């Protein structure tokens, strides 16, 4: 089944892009990608989605945790989180090939409320990134979704039905608890997601764990515990990564100078910003801005692949 899925994605990519790149399909939230080279790690912001690989392999690092997945596997992301993403297996003869599909919380909630109570959906959610094997049922649903690319007039009618299928297979699978807790009102992840939205929209202002806990309706200690369980980082580490990702986007895509970018994302000290930027990205901000100016296509592709814009 994976070979069939890979063949279909390859045909679609051949029709729309060159050897390397991304294709944002007419199907909502569905992006296909291919790379003929293993690539260095890149920082980006992940949002709830399924990532599936049909050829090659990819590694994702969140704080001190690393997950690797390859051909015939999916990565189910149920929390919005900054990651370090790297294609680790790709050659011109066997390029990395895969896709990402954004999850639809409304459809998932509708499906989960119709399910009979299942023991594996009970209890707290775990780390927000889970690797699954791509089974025949999910593969069939994905093939039907891909078929909508050549029938865009059918998307409005058929997309919701296929997404219900995909949501069902996710919910009864190994990542089901995380997926369910992401949308259920009593679930900790949904409450933490409210705090994450607040952080994303206000990352440039000072905030405390107590303030964020209030947004989630939790005590500070409970909030900190569940936040770290989901994201593998503390709330303030998370805010710092949001700031640095947005600063990088401003410099690379809008040509903003490092000092202006630092102030724009909430830093009072430009020197502190430069230190933390270099620690995260491996180069000081001015050098990266110069590289982006010299090779704008490379940096544009880098940002397009990762949804690094915060707002």
C-alpha atoms as a PDB file:
ATOM      1  CA  UNK A   1       0.000   0.000   0.000  1.00  0.00           C
ATOM      2  CA  UNK A   2       2.852   2.420   0.784  1.00  0.00           C
ATOM      3  CA  UNK A   3       4.349   1.850  -2.676  1.00  0.00           C
ATOM      4  CA  UNK A   4       1.007   2.796  -4.233  1.00  0.00           C
ATOM      5  CA  UNK A   5       0.793   5.916  -2.078  1.00  0.00           C
ATOM      6  CA  UNK A   6       4.362   6.871  -2.996  1.00  0.00           C
ATOM      7  CA  UNK A   7       3.647   6.369  -6.707  1.00  0.00           C
ATOM      8  CA  UNK A   8       0.552   8.586  -6.538  1.00  0.00           C
ATOM      9  CA  UNK A   9       2.359  11.384  -4.671  1.00  0.00           C
ATOM     10  CA  UNK A  10       5.318  11.153  -7.063  1.00  0.00           C
ATOM     11  CA  UNK A  11       3.031  11.515 -10.102  1.00  0.00           C
ATOM     12  CA  UNK A  12       1.334  14.547  -8.585  1.00  0.00           C
ATOM     13  CA  UNK A  13       4.657  16.188  -7.692  1.00  0.00           C
ATOM     14  CA  UNK A  14       6.077  15.476 -11.159  1.00  0.00           C
ATOM     15  CA  UNK A  15       3.119  17.356 -12.633  1.00  0.00           C
ATOM     16  CA  UNK A  16       3.444  20.423 -10.403  1.00  0.00           C
ATOM     17  CA  UNK A  17       7.050  20.957  -9.229  1.00  0.00           C
ATOM     18  CA  UNK A  18      10.650  20.126 -10.117  1.00  0.00           C
ATOM     19  CA  UNK A  19      12.874  17.591  -8.339  1.00  0.00           C
ATOM     20  CA  UNK A  20      12.652  19.446  -5.001  1.00  0.00           C
ATOM     21  CA  UNK A  21      10.016  21.524  -3.327  1.00  0.00           C
ATOM     22  CA  UNK A  22       6.534  21.792  -1.858  1.00  0.00           C
ATOM     23  CA  UNK A  23       3.122  21.653  -3.521  1.00  0.00           C
ATOM     24  CA  UNK A  24       0.202  23.251  -1.684  1.00  0.00           C
ATOM     25  CA  UNK A  25      -2.685  21.264  -3.132  1.00  0.00           C
ATOM     26  CA  UNK A  26      -6.266  22.498  -3.691  1.00  0.00           C
ATOM     27  CA  UNK A  27      -7.316  20.177  -0.853  1.00  0.00           C
ATOM     28  CA  UNK A  28      -7.503  22.215   2.401  1.00  0.00           C
ATOM     29  CA  UNK A  29      -4.457  21.708   4.608  1.00  0.00           C
ATOM     30  CA  UNK A  30      -2.780  19.134   2.323  1.00  0.00           C
ATOM     31  CA  UNK A  31       0.815  19.831   1.222  1.00  0.00           C
ATOM     32  CA  UNK A  32       3.075  17.412  -0.683  1.00  0.00           C
ATOM     33  CA  UNK A  33       6.868  17.594  -0.625  1.00  0.00           C
ATOM     34  CA  UNK A  34       9.997  16.081  -2.116  1.00  0.00           C
ATOM     35  CA  UNK A  35      13.739  16.479  -1.512  1.00  0.00           C
ATOM     36  CA  UNK A  36      16.584  14.798  -3.387  1.00  0.00           C
ATOM     37  CA  UNK A  37      19.060  15.632  -0.612  1.00  0.00           C
ATOM     38  CA  UNK A  38      19.295  15.070   3.112  1.00  0.00           C
ATOM     39  CA  UNK A  39      19.030  18.546   4.626  1.00  0.00           C
ATOM     40  CA  UNK A  40      20.479  20.204   7.738  1.00  0.00           C
ATOM     41  CA  UNK A  41      18.133  20.730  10.699  1.00  0.00           C
ATOM     42  CA  UNK A  42      15.699  23.619  10.340  1.00  0.00           C
ATOM     43  CA  UNK A  43      13.668  25.365  13.033  1.00  0.00           C
ATOM     44  CA  UNK A  44       9.959  25.664  12.370  1.00  0.00           C
ATOM     45  CA  UNK A  45       6.597  25.897  14.103  1.00  0.00           C
ATOM     46  CA  UNK A  46       4.436  22.761  13.932  1.00  0.00           C
ATOM     47  CA  UNK A  47       0.672  22.873  14.365  1.00  0.00           C
ATOM     48  CA  UNK A  48      -1.710  19.910  14.785  1.00  0.00           C
ATOM     49  CA  UNK A  49      -1.374  17.733  11.700  1.00  0.00           C
ATOM     50  CA  UNK A  50      -0.437  14.339  10.301  1.00  0.00           C
ATOM     51  CA  UNK A  51       2.903  14.046   8.527  1.00  0.00           C
ATOM     52  CA  UNK A  52       3.359  10.918   6.451  1.00  0.00           C
ATOM     53  CA  UNK A  53       6.464   9.657   4.677  1.00  0.00           C
ATOM     54  CA  UNK A  54       6.326   7.381   1.643  1.00  0.00           C
ATOM     55  CA  UNK A  55      10.062   7.378   0.896  1.00  0.00           C
ATOM     56  CA  UNK A  56      13.137   8.415   2.902  1.00  0.00           C
ATOM     57  CA  UNK A  57      13.139   9.462   6.551  1.00  0.00           C
ATOM     58  CA  UNK A  58      12.802  12.533   8.740  1.00  0.00           C
ATOM     59  CA  UNK A  59      13.881  13.418  12.275  1.00  0.00           C
ATOM     60  CA  UNK A  60      12.067  15.854  14.565  1.00  0.00           C
ATOM     61  CA  UNK A  61      13.578  17.265  17.757  1.00  0.00           C
ATOM     62  CA  UNK A  62      11.499  19.024  20.410  1.00  0.00           C
ATOM     63  CA  UNK A  63      13.649  20.331  23.266  1.00  0.00           C
ATOM     64  CA  UNK A  64      15.571  17.234  24.402  1.00  0.00           C
ATOM     65  CA  UNK A  65      13.339  14.647  22.691  1.00  0.00           C
ATOM     66  CA  UNK A  66      13.864  13.252  19.184  1.00  0.00           C
ATOM     67  CA  UNK A  67      11.499  11.189  17.042  1.00  0.00           C
ATOM     68  CA  UNK A  68      12.427   9.680  13.679  1.00  0.00           C
ATOM     69  CA  UNK A  69       9.971   8.270  11.161  1.00  0.00           C
ATOM     70  CA  UNK A  70      10.368   6.853   7.683  1.00  0.00           C
ATOM     71  CA  UNK A  71       8.634   5.237   4.726  1.00  0.00           C
ATOM     72  CA  UNK A  72       5.274   3.770   5.674  1.00  0.00           C
ATOM     73  CA  UNK A  73       4.971   5.763   8.901  1.00  0.00           C
ATOM     74  CA  UNK A  74       3.118   8.838  10.108  1.00  0.00           C
ATOM     75  CA  UNK A  75       3.857  11.486  12.702  1.00  0.00           C
ATOM     76  CA  UNK A  76       0.698  12.647  14.481  1.00  0.00           C
ATOM     77  CA  UNK A  77       1.150  16.144  15.941  1.00  0.00           C
ATOM     78  CA  UNK A  78      -1.499  17.199  18.460  1.00  0.00           C
ATOM     79  CA  UNK A  79       0.094  20.322  19.942  1.00  0.00           C
ATOM     80  CA  UNK A  80       1.378  23.562  18.461  1.00  0.00           C
ATOM     81  CA  UNK A  81       5.112  23.496  19.138  1.00  0.00           C
ATOM     82  CA  UNK A  82       8.472  24.793  17.832  1.00  0.00           C
ATOM     83  CA  UNK A  83      10.570  21.928  16.444  1.00  0.00           C
ATOM     84  CA  UNK A  84      13.924  21.224  14.827  1.00  0.00           C
ATOM     85  CA  UNK A  85      13.112  19.286  11.648  1.00  0.00           C
ATOM     86  CA  UNK A  86      15.593  17.409   9.460  1.00  0.00           C
ATOM     87  CA  UNK A  87      15.337  15.200   6.380  1.00  0.00           C
ATOM     88  CA  UNK A  88      17.860  12.474   7.212  1.00  0.00           C
ATOM     89  CA  UNK A  89      17.396  10.055   4.313  1.00  0.00           C
ATOM     90  CA  UNK A  90      17.160  11.251   0.698  1.00  0.00           C
ATOM     91  CA  UNK A  91      19.081  10.798  -2.565  1.00  0.00           C
ATOM     92  CA  UNK A  92      18.428  11.834  -6.180  1.00  0.00           C
ATOM     93  CA  UNK A  93      17.471   8.225  -7.002  1.00  0.00           C
ATOM     94  CA  UNK A  94      15.352   7.782  -3.873  1.00  0.00           C
ATOM     95  CA  UNK A  95      14.181  11.251  -2.809  1.00  0.00           C
ATOM     96  CA  UNK A  96      12.433  11.967   0.434  1.00  0.00           C
ATOM     97  CA  UNK A  97       8.730  12.031  -0.417  1.00  0.00           C
ATOM     98  CA  UNK A  98       5.815  12.746   1.854  1.00  0.00           C
ATOM     99  CA  UNK A  99       2.929  14.984   2.795  1.00  0.00           C
ATOM    100  CA  UNK A 100       1.378  16.885   5.658  1.00  0.00           C
ATOM    101  CA  UNK A 101      -2.327  17.174   6.408  1.00  0.00           C
ATOM    102  CA  UNK A 102      -3.647  19.673   8.938  1.00  0.00           C
ATOM    103  CA  UNK A 103      -6.073  18.195  11.454  1.00  0.00           C
ATOM    104  CA  UNK A 104      -9.613  19.591  11.630  1.00  0.00           C
ATOM    105  CA  UNK A 105     -10.614  19.915  15.318  1.00  0.00           C
ATOM    106  CA  UNK A 106     -14.329  20.355  14.553  1.00  0.00           C
ATOM    107  CA  UNK A 107     -14.493  17.132  12.553  1.00  0.00           C
ATOM    108  CA  UNK A 108     -12.449  15.260  15.163  1.00  0.00           C
ATOM    109  CA  UNK A 109     -14.751  16.469  17.964  1.00  0.00           C
ATOM    110  CA  UNK A 110     -17.832  15.369  16.018  1.00  0.00           C
ATOM    111  CA  UNK A 111     -16.341  11.899  15.470  1.00  0.00           C
ATOM    112  CA  UNK A 112     -15.074  11.406  19.023  1.00  0.00           C
ATOM    113  CA  UNK A 113     -18.454  12.300  20.542  1.00  0.00           C
ATOM    114  CA  UNK A 114     -20.087   9.591  18.405  1.00  0.00           C
ATOM    115  CA  UNK A 115     -17.661   6.857  19.425  1.00  0.00           C
ATOM    116  CA  UNK A 116     -18.555   4.298  22.047  1.00  0.00           C
ATOM    117  CA  UNK A 117     -16.447   4.851  25.187  1.00  0.00           C
ATOM    118  CA  UNK A 118     -12.999   3.370  24.613  1.00  0.00           C
ATOM    119  CA  UNK A 119     -10.552   2.657  27.407  1.00  0.00           C
ATOM    120  CA  UNK A 120      -7.533   3.767  25.372  1.00  0.00           C
ATOM    121  CA  UNK A 121      -9.019   7.274  25.043  1.00  0.00           C
ATOM    122  CA  UNK A 122      -9.195   7.705  28.822  1.00  0.00           C
ATOM    123  CA  UNK A 123      -6.498   9.280  30.967  1.00  0.00           C
ATOM    124  CA  UNK A 124      -4.102  12.178  30.359  1.00  0.00           C
ATOM    125  CA  UNK A 125      -2.556  12.847  26.974  1.00  0.00           C
ATOM    126  CA  UNK A 126       1.141  12.187  26.512  1.00  0.00           C
ATOM    127  CA  UNK A 127       3.870  13.880  24.481  1.00  0.00           C
ATOM    128  CA  UNK A 128       2.229  15.693  21.564  1.00  0.00           C
ATOM    129  CA  UNK A 129       4.147  13.912  18.767  1.00  0.00           C
ATOM    130  CA  UNK A 130       3.420  10.211  18.137  1.00  0.00           C
ATOM    131  CA  UNK A 131       4.794   7.942  15.382  1.00  0.00           C
ATOM    132  CA  UNK A 132       2.370   5.389  13.885  1.00  0.00           C
ATOM    133  CA  UNK A 133       2.712   2.786  11.168  1.00  0.00           C
ATOM    134  CA  UNK A 134       0.631   3.656   8.110  1.00  0.00           C
ATOM    135  CA  UNK A 135      -1.983   0.880   7.928  1.00  0.00           C
ATOM    136  CA  UNK A 136      -4.223  -0.165   5.043  1.00  0.00           C
ATOM    137  CA  UNK A 137      -7.265   1.760   6.330  1.00  0.00           C
ATOM    138  CA  UNK A 138      -5.435   5.076   6.684  1.00  0.00           C
ATOM    139  CA  UNK A 139      -3.658   4.544   3.369  1.00  0.00           C
ATOM    140  CA  UNK A 140      -7.002   4.034   1.617  1.00  0.00           C
ATOM    141  CA  UNK A 141      -8.377   7.254   3.092  1.00  0.00           C
ATOM    142  CA  UNK A 142      -5.262   9.191   2.067  1.00  0.00           C
ATOM    143  CA  UNK A 143      -5.464   7.840  -1.488  1.00  0.00           C
ATOM    144  CA  UNK A 144      -9.069   9.052  -1.723  1.00  0.00           C
ATOM    145  CA  UNK A 145      -7.993  12.456  -0.415  1.00  0.00           C
ATOM    146  CA  UNK A 146      -5.170  12.663  -2.976  1.00  0.00           C
ATOM    147  CA  UNK A 147      -7.640  11.786  -5.725  1.00  0.00           C
ATOM    148  CA  UNK A 148      -9.459  15.051  -4.996  1.00  0.00           C
ATOM    149  CA  UNK A 149      -6.442  16.967  -6.349  1.00  0.00           C
ATOM    150  CA  UNK A 150      -7.466  16.072  -9.901  1.00  0.00           C
ATOM    151  CA  UNK A 151     -11.142  16.678  -9.087  1.00  0.00           C
ATOM    152  CA  UNK A 152     -11.159  20.040  -7.289  1.00  0.00           C
ATOM    153  CA  UNK A 153     -14.872  20.476  -7.968  1.00  0.00           C
ATOM    154  CA  UNK A 154     -15.506  17.540  -5.616  1.00  0.00           C
ATOM    155  CA  UNK A 155     -13.489  18.923  -2.688  1.00  0.00           C
ATOM    156  CA  UNK A 156     -16.336  20.815  -1.006  1.00  0.00           C
ATOM    157  CA  UNK A 157     -18.571  17.721  -0.897  1.00  0.00           C
ATOM    158  CA  UNK A 158     -16.095  14.875  -0.379  1.00  0.00           C
ATOM    159  CA  UNK A 159     -13.352  16.459   1.747  1.00  0.00           C
ATOM    160  CA  UNK A 160     -15.397  16.484   5.004  1.00  0.00           C
ATOM    161  CA  UNK A 161     -16.369  12.825   4.572  1.00  0.00           C
ATOM    162  CA  UNK A 162     -12.785  11.707   3.951  1.00  0.00           C
ATOM    163  CA  UNK A 163     -11.531  13.775   6.895  1.00  0.00           C
ATOM    164  CA  UNK A 164     -14.100  12.006   9.075  1.00  0.00           C
ATOM    165  CA  UNK A 165     -12.606   8.683   7.953  1.00  0.00           C
ATOM    166  CA  UNK A 166      -9.092   9.875   8.735  1.00  0.00           C
ATOM    167  CA  UNK A 167     -10.196  11.214  12.128  1.00  0.00           C
ATOM    168  CA  UNK A 168     -11.819   7.871  12.953  1.00  0.00           C
ATOM    169  CA  UNK A 169      -8.698   5.857  12.100  1.00  0.00           C
ATOM    170  CA  UNK A 170      -6.605   8.256  14.177  1.00  0.00           C
ATOM    171  CA  UNK A 171      -8.920   7.993  17.166  1.00  0.00           C
ATOM    172  CA  UNK A 172      -8.934   4.198  17.276  1.00  0.00           C
ATOM    173  CA  UNK A 173      -5.164   4.021  16.726  1.00  0.00           C
ATOM    174  CA  UNK A 174      -2.132   4.435  19.032  1.00  0.00           C
ATOM    175  CA  UNK A 175      -2.387   8.252  18.962  1.00  0.00           C
ATOM    176  CA  UNK A 176      -6.120   8.188  19.725  1.00  0.00           C
ATOM    177  CA  UNK A 177      -5.851   9.476  23.282  1.00  0.00           C
ATOM    178  CA  UNK A 178      -3.785  12.482  22.225  1.00  0.00           C
ATOM    179  CA  UNK A 179      -6.132  13.231  19.321  1.00  0.00           C
ATOM    180  CA  UNK A 180      -9.238  12.984  21.527  1.00  0.00           C
ATOM    181  CA  UNK A 181      -7.770  15.043  24.360  1.00  0.00           C
ATOM    182  CA  UNK A 182      -6.824  17.734  21.847  1.00  0.00           C
ATOM    183  CA  UNK A 183     -10.516  18.547  21.252  1.00  0.00           C
ATOM    184  CA  UNK A 184     -12.481  17.429  24.338  1.00  0.00           C
ATOM    185  CA  UNK A 185     -13.490  20.360  26.595  1.00  0.00           C
ATOM    186  CA  UNK A 186     -12.360  18.519  29.734  1.00  0.00           C
ATOM    187  CA  UNK A 187      -9.013  17.609  28.195  1.00  0.00           C
ATOM    188  CA  UNK A 188      -5.852  19.280  29.524  1.00  0.00           C
ATOM    189  CA  UNK A 189      -4.390  19.730  25.983  1.00  0.00           C
ATOM    190  CA  UNK A 190      -7.355  21.851  24.871  1.00  0.00           C
ATOM    191  CA  UNK A 191      -6.913  24.113  27.890  1.00  0.00           C
ATOM    192  CA  UNK A 192      -3.175  24.341  27.295  1.00  0.00           C
ATOM    193  CA  UNK A 193      -3.883  25.083  23.626  1.00  0.00           C
ATOM    194  CA  UNK A 194      -5.790  28.190  24.749  1.00  0.00           C
ATOM    195  CA  UNK A 195      -2.672  29.364  26.574  1.00  0.00           C
ATOM    196  CA  UNK A 196      -0.534  28.578  23.518  1.00  0.00           C
ATOM    197  CA  UNK A 197      -2.815  30.685  21.309  1.00  0.00           C
ATOM    198  CA  UNK A 198      -2.421  33.541  23.801  1.00  0.00           C
ATOM    199  CA  UNK A 199       1.370  33.075  23.721  1.00  0.00           C
ATOM    200  CA  UNK A 200       1.417  33.057  19.917  1.00  0.00           C
ATOM    201  CA  UNK A 201      -0.629  36.256  19.748  1.00  0.00           C
ATOM    202  CA  UNK A 202       1.283  38.044  22.535  1.00  0.00           C
ATOM    203  CA  UNK A 203       4.773  36.528  22.453  1.00  0.00           C
ATOM    204  CA  UNK A 204       6.358  39.992  22.307  1.00  0.00           C
ATOM    205  CA  UNK A 205       5.175  41.023  25.790  1.00  0.00           C
ATOM    206  CA  UNK A 206       6.424  39.760  29.175  1.00  0.00           C
ATOM    207  CA  UNK A 207       4.328  36.966  30.670  1.00  0.00           C
ATOM    208  CA  UNK A 208       4.493  34.719  33.707  1.00  0.00           C
ATOM    209  CA  UNK A 209       3.620  31.075  34.260  1.00  0.00           C
ATOM    210  CA  UNK A 210       0.876  32.217  36.656  1.00  0.00           C
ATOM    211  CA  UNK A 211      -0.679  34.401  33.946  1.00  0.00           C
ATOM    212  CA  UNK A 212      -0.565  31.579  31.391  1.00  0.00           C
ATOM    213  CA  UNK A 213      -1.976  29.114  33.909  1.00  0.00           C
ATOM    214  CA  UNK A 214      -4.906  31.474  34.388  1.00  0.00           C
ATOM    215  CA  UNK A 215      -5.599  31.398  30.641  1.00  0.00           C
ATOM    216  CA  UNK A 216      -5.747  27.599  30.893  1.00  0.00           C
ATOM    217  CA  UNK A 217      -7.815  27.568  34.077  1.00  0.00           C
ATOM    218  CA  UNK A 218      -5.141  25.653  36.010  1.00  0.00           C
ATOM    219  CA  UNK A 219      -2.883  26.215  38.967  1.00  0.00           C
ATOM    220  CA  UNK A 220       0.658  27.291  37.966  1.00  0.00           C
ATOM    221  CA  UNK A 221       2.213  23.988  39.062  1.00  0.00           C
ATOM    222  CA  UNK A 222      -0.376  21.853  37.233  1.00  0.00           C
ATOM    223  CA  UNK A 223      -0.100  24.007  34.124  1.00  0.00           C
ATOM    224  CA  UNK A 224       3.699  23.794  34.092  1.00  0.00           C
ATOM    225  CA  UNK A 225       3.572  20.009  34.549  1.00  0.00           C
ATOM    226  CA  UNK A 226       1.075  19.367  31.741  1.00  0.00           C
ATOM    227  CA  UNK A 227       2.628  21.951  29.426  1.00  0.00           C
ATOM    228  CA  UNK A 228       6.018  20.272  29.684  1.00  0.00           C
ATOM    229  CA  UNK A 229       4.496  16.799  29.242  1.00  0.00           C
ATOM    230  CA  UNK A 230       2.922  17.922  25.956  1.00  0.00           C
ATOM    231  CA  UNK A 231       5.738  20.043  24.536  1.00  0.00           C
ATOM    232  CA  UNK A 232       8.924  18.856  26.313  1.00  0.00           C
ATOM    233  CA  UNK A 233       9.756  22.446  27.256  1.00  0.00           C
ATOM    234  CA  UNK A 234       8.746  24.986  29.872  1.00  0.00           C
ATOM    235  CA  UNK A 235       6.248  27.740  28.976  1.00  0.00           C
ATOM    236  CA  UNK A 236       8.940  30.437  29.043  1.00  0.00           C
ATOM    237  CA  UNK A 237      11.284  28.359  26.860  1.00  0.00           C
ATOM    238  CA  UNK A 238       8.367  28.029  24.445  1.00  0.00           C
ATOM    239  CA  UNK A 239       7.826  31.801  24.393  1.00  0.00           C
ATOM    240  CA  UNK A 240      11.527  32.374  23.710  1.00  0.00           C
ATOM    241  CA  UNK A 241      11.446  30.037  20.712  1.00  0.00           C
ATOM    242  CA  UNK A 242       8.360  31.800  19.348  1.00  0.00           C
ATOM    243  CA  UNK A 243      10.179  35.137  19.609  1.00  0.00           C
ATOM    244  CA  UNK A 244      13.297  33.870  17.851  1.00  0.00           C
ATOM    245  CA  UNK A 245      11.327  32.180  15.052  1.00  0.00           C
ATOM    246  CA  UNK A 246       9.421  35.392  14.362  1.00  0.00           C
ATOM    247  CA  UNK A 247      12.617  37.468  14.475  1.00  0.00           C
ATOM    248  CA  UNK A 248      14.186  35.155  11.912  1.00  0.00           C
ATOM    249  CA  UNK A 249      11.140  35.473   9.653  1.00  0.00           C
ATOM    250  CA  UNK A 250      11.250  39.280   9.884  1.00  0.00           C
ATOM    251  CA  UNK A 251      14.939  39.409   8.948  1.00  0.00           C
ATOM    252  CA  UNK A 252      14.821  36.785   6.197  1.00  0.00           C
ATOM    253  CA  UNK A 253      11.552  37.636   4.459  1.00  0.00           C
ATOM    254  CA  UNK A 254      11.114  41.350   5.215  1.00  0.00           C
ATOM    255  CA  UNK A 255      14.724  42.513   5.392  1.00  0.00           C
ATOM    256  CA  UNK A 256      14.353  43.880   8.926  1.00  0.00           C
ATOM    257  CA  UNK A 257      17.655  44.636  10.674  1.00  0.00           C
ATOM    258  CA  UNK A 258      18.639  42.474  13.651  1.00  0.00           C
ATOM    259  CA  UNK A 259      18.230  45.230  16.238  1.00  0.00           C
ATOM    260  CA  UNK A 260      14.777  46.166  14.959  1.00  0.00           C
ATOM    261  CA  UNK A 261      13.732  42.508  14.860  1.00  0.00           C
ATOM    262  CA  UNK A 262      14.912  42.040  18.448  1.00  0.00           C
ATOM    263  CA  UNK A 263      12.785  44.911  19.720  1.00  0.00           C
ATOM    264  CA  UNK A 264       9.817  43.860  17.562  1.00  0.00           C
ATOM    265  CA  UNK A 265       9.628  40.441  19.203  1.00  0.00           C
ATOM    266  CA  UNK A 266      10.009  41.743  22.750  1.00  0.00           C
ATOM    267  CA  UNK A 267      13.728  41.770  23.567  1.00  0.00           C
ATOM    268  CA  UNK A 268      15.002  44.709  25.600  1.00  0.00           C
ATOM    269  CA  UNK A 269      18.658  43.735  25.077  1.00  0.00           C
ATOM    270  CA  UNK A 270      19.940  43.304  21.518  1.00  0.00           C
ATOM    271  CA  UNK A 271      23.055  41.536  22.796  1.00  0.00           C
ATOM    272  CA  UNK A 272      20.922  38.996  24.677  1.00  0.00           C
ATOM    273  CA  UNK A 273      18.853  38.513  21.523  1.00  0.00           C
ATOM    274  CA  UNK A 274      22.003  37.896  19.463  1.00  0.00           C
ATOM    275  CA  UNK A 275      23.305  35.330  21.957  1.00  0.00           C
ATOM    276  CA  UNK A 276      20.045  33.415  22.133  1.00  0.00           C
ATOM    277  CA  UNK A 277      19.550  33.608  18.370  1.00  0.00           C
ATOM    278  CA  UNK A 278      23.017  32.178  17.698  1.00  0.00           C
ATOM    279  CA  UNK A 279      22.434  29.433  20.262  1.00  0.00           C
ATOM    280  CA  UNK A 280      19.179  28.398  18.562  1.00  0.00           C
ATOM    281  CA  UNK A 281      20.076  28.803  14.877  1.00  0.00           C
ATOM    282  CA  UNK A 282      23.837  28.230  14.941  1.00  0.00           C
ATOM    283  CA  UNK A 283      24.770  31.644  13.523  1.00  0.00           C
ATOM    284  CA  UNK A 284      24.414  35.249  14.713  1.00  0.00           C
ATOM    285  CA  UNK A 285      21.409  37.119  13.306  1.00  0.00           C
ATOM    286  CA  UNK A 286      23.389  39.548  11.135  1.00  0.00           C
ATOM    287  CA  UNK A 287      25.227  36.688   9.405  1.00  0.00           C
ATOM    288  CA  UNK A 288      21.969  34.857   8.691  1.00  0.00           C
ATOM    289  CA  UNK A 289      20.424  38.024   7.316  1.00  0.00           C
ATOM    290  CA  UNK A 290      23.429  38.447   4.990  1.00  0.00           C
ATOM    291  CA  UNK A 291      23.134  34.837   3.812  1.00  0.00           C
ATOM    292  CA  UNK A 292      19.428  35.321   3.169  1.00  0.00           C
ATOM    293  CA  UNK A 293      20.154  38.419   1.101  1.00  0.00           C
ATOM    294  CA  UNK A 294      22.767  36.511  -0.931  1.00  0.00           C
ATOM    295  CA  UNK A 295      20.546  33.441  -1.471  1.00  0.00           C
ATOM    296  CA  UNK A 296      16.907  34.528  -1.029  1.00  0.00           C
ATOM    297  CA  UNK A 297      15.434  31.497  -2.828  1.00  0.00           C
ATOM    298  CA  UNK A 298      17.017  29.042  -0.398  1.00  0.00           C
ATOM    299  CA  UNK A 299      15.791  30.890   2.669  1.00  0.00           C
ATOM    300  CA  UNK A 300      12.319  31.439   1.221  1.00  0.00           C
ATOM    301  CA  UNK A 301      12.023  27.696   0.624  1.00  0.00           C
ATOM    302  CA  UNK A 302      13.265  27.033   4.142  1.00  0.00           C
ATOM    303  CA  UNK A 303      10.560  29.209   5.657  1.00  0.00           C
ATOM    304  CA  UNK A 304       7.800  28.015   3.315  1.00  0.00           C
ATOM    305  CA  UNK A 305       8.429  24.468   4.430  1.00  0.00           C
ATOM    306  CA  UNK A 306       7.921  25.119   8.083  1.00  0.00           C
ATOM    307  CA  UNK A 307       5.197  27.683   8.735  1.00  0.00           C
ATOM    308  CA  UNK A 308       7.602  29.844  10.713  1.00  0.00           C
ATOM    309  CA  UNK A 309       5.359  32.908  10.690  1.00  0.00           C
ATOM    310  CA  UNK A 310       3.871  33.185  14.163  1.00  0.00           C
ATOM    311  CA  UNK A 311       0.754  35.224  13.488  1.00  0.00           C
END
